[in-house]
Amino acid sequence: MHGRIAEAPVSEAERIARVYVLAARGDTWAALVQAVADALIDLAEVEQRATKRDQLISRGYARAGQPSPSAPL
């Protein structure tokens, strides 16, 4: 089993890799490619959420810094 000691617990990464290999019907290259593709999709989603969050923070900060039209100067 890839040089692992039988008594050592299986890591989360190994469990995920095993699922990808099973889904790829034993084709380890296809499993690796799919895992990387999924990771890139997840990364893009995280980056998109961070950008949206930063835009909301920036707009809120800018609005908070501007006096309202009815407020005395």
Protein backbone atom coordinates (compact mmCIF):
# COMPACT_ATOMS: atom_id res chain seq x y z
CA MET A 1 0.00 0.00 0.00
CA HIS A 2 2.47 2.63 -1.25
CA GLY A 3 5.01 2.01 1.54
CA ARG A 4 2.57 2.85 4.35
CA ILE A 5 2.72 1.13 7.71
CA ALA A 6 -0.46 -0.94 8.13
CA GLU A 7 -1.23 0.43 11.61
CA ALA A 8 -0.87 4.12 10.67
CA PRO A 9 -4.19 5.96 10.33
CA VAL A 10 -5.27 7.00 6.86
CA SER A 11 -5.05 10.75 6.32
CA GLU A 12 -7.86 12.84 4.92
CA ALA A 13 -5.78 13.44 1.78
CA GLU A 14 -5.40 9.68 1.28
CA ARG A 15 -9.14 9.13 1.73
CA ILE A 16 -9.91 11.82 -0.84
CA ALA A 17 -7.32 10.42 -3.25
CA ARG A 18 -8.84 6.95 -2.89
CA VAL A 19 -12.28 8.32 -3.79
CA TYR A 20 -10.89 10.02 -6.89
CA VAL A 21 -9.12 6.82 -7.98
CA LEU A 22 -12.31 4.81 -7.45
CA ALA A 23 -14.32 7.36 -9.44
CA ALA A 24 -11.71 7.16 -12.22
CA ARG A 25 -12.00 3.33 -12.19
CA GLY A 26 -8.40 2.89 -11.11
CA ASP A 27 -6.88 5.35 -13.59
CA THR A 28 -4.54 7.27 -11.30
CA TRP A 29 -3.65 9.90 -13.93
CA ALA A 30 -7.33 10.68 -14.60
CA ALA A 31 -7.91 10.83 -10.83
CA LEU A 32 -5.05 13.30 -10.39
CA VAL A 33 -6.24 15.48 -13.26
CA GLN A 34 -9.79 15.54 -11.88
CA ALA A 35 -8.57 16.36 -8.36
CA VAL A 36 -6.47 19.26 -9.67
CA ALA A 37 -9.36 20.51 -11.84
CA ASP A 38 -11.72 20.41 -8.84
CA ALA A 39 -9.17 22.23 -6.68
CA LEU A 40 -8.79 24.98 -9.32
CA ILE A 41 -12.57 25.40 -9.51
CA ASP A 42 -12.77 25.67 -5.72
CA LEU A 43 -9.92 28.19 -5.69
CA ALA A 44 -11.62 30.33 -8.34
CA GLU A 45 -14.85 30.33 -6.30
CA VAL A 46 -12.98 31.37 -3.14
CA GLU A 47 -11.24 34.17 -5.02
CA GLN A 48 -14.56 35.35 -6.48
CA ARG A 49 -16.17 35.42 -3.03
CA ALA A 50 -13.20 37.31 -1.58
CA THR A 51 -13.43 39.89 -4.36
CA LYS A 52 -17.17 40.37 -3.77
CA ARG A 53 -16.58 40.67 -0.01
CA ASP A 54 -13.84 43.24 -0.55
CA GLN A 55 -16.11 45.26 -2.85
CA LEU A 56 -18.90 45.26 -0.26
CA ILE A 57 -16.50 46.35 2.46
CA SER A 58 -15.10 49.12 0.26
CA ARG A 59 -18.56 50.46 -0.65
CA GLY A 60 -19.70 50.36 2.96
CA TYR A 61 -16.56 52.12 4.12
CA ALA A 62 -16.94 54.81 1.44
CA ARG A 63 -20.61 55.38 2.31
CA ALA A 64 -19.86 55.64 6.01
CA GLY A 65 -17.32 58.37 5.30
CA GLN A 66 -19.71 60.60 3.34
CA PRO A 67 -22.12 62.94 5.11
CA SER A 68 -25.78 62.44 4.35
CA PRO A 69 -27.49 65.14 2.25
CA SER A 70 -29.61 66.26 5.21
CA ALA A 71 -26.76 66.40 7.73
CA PRO A 72 -25.45 69.86 8.61
CA LEU A 73 -21.89 70.56 7.50
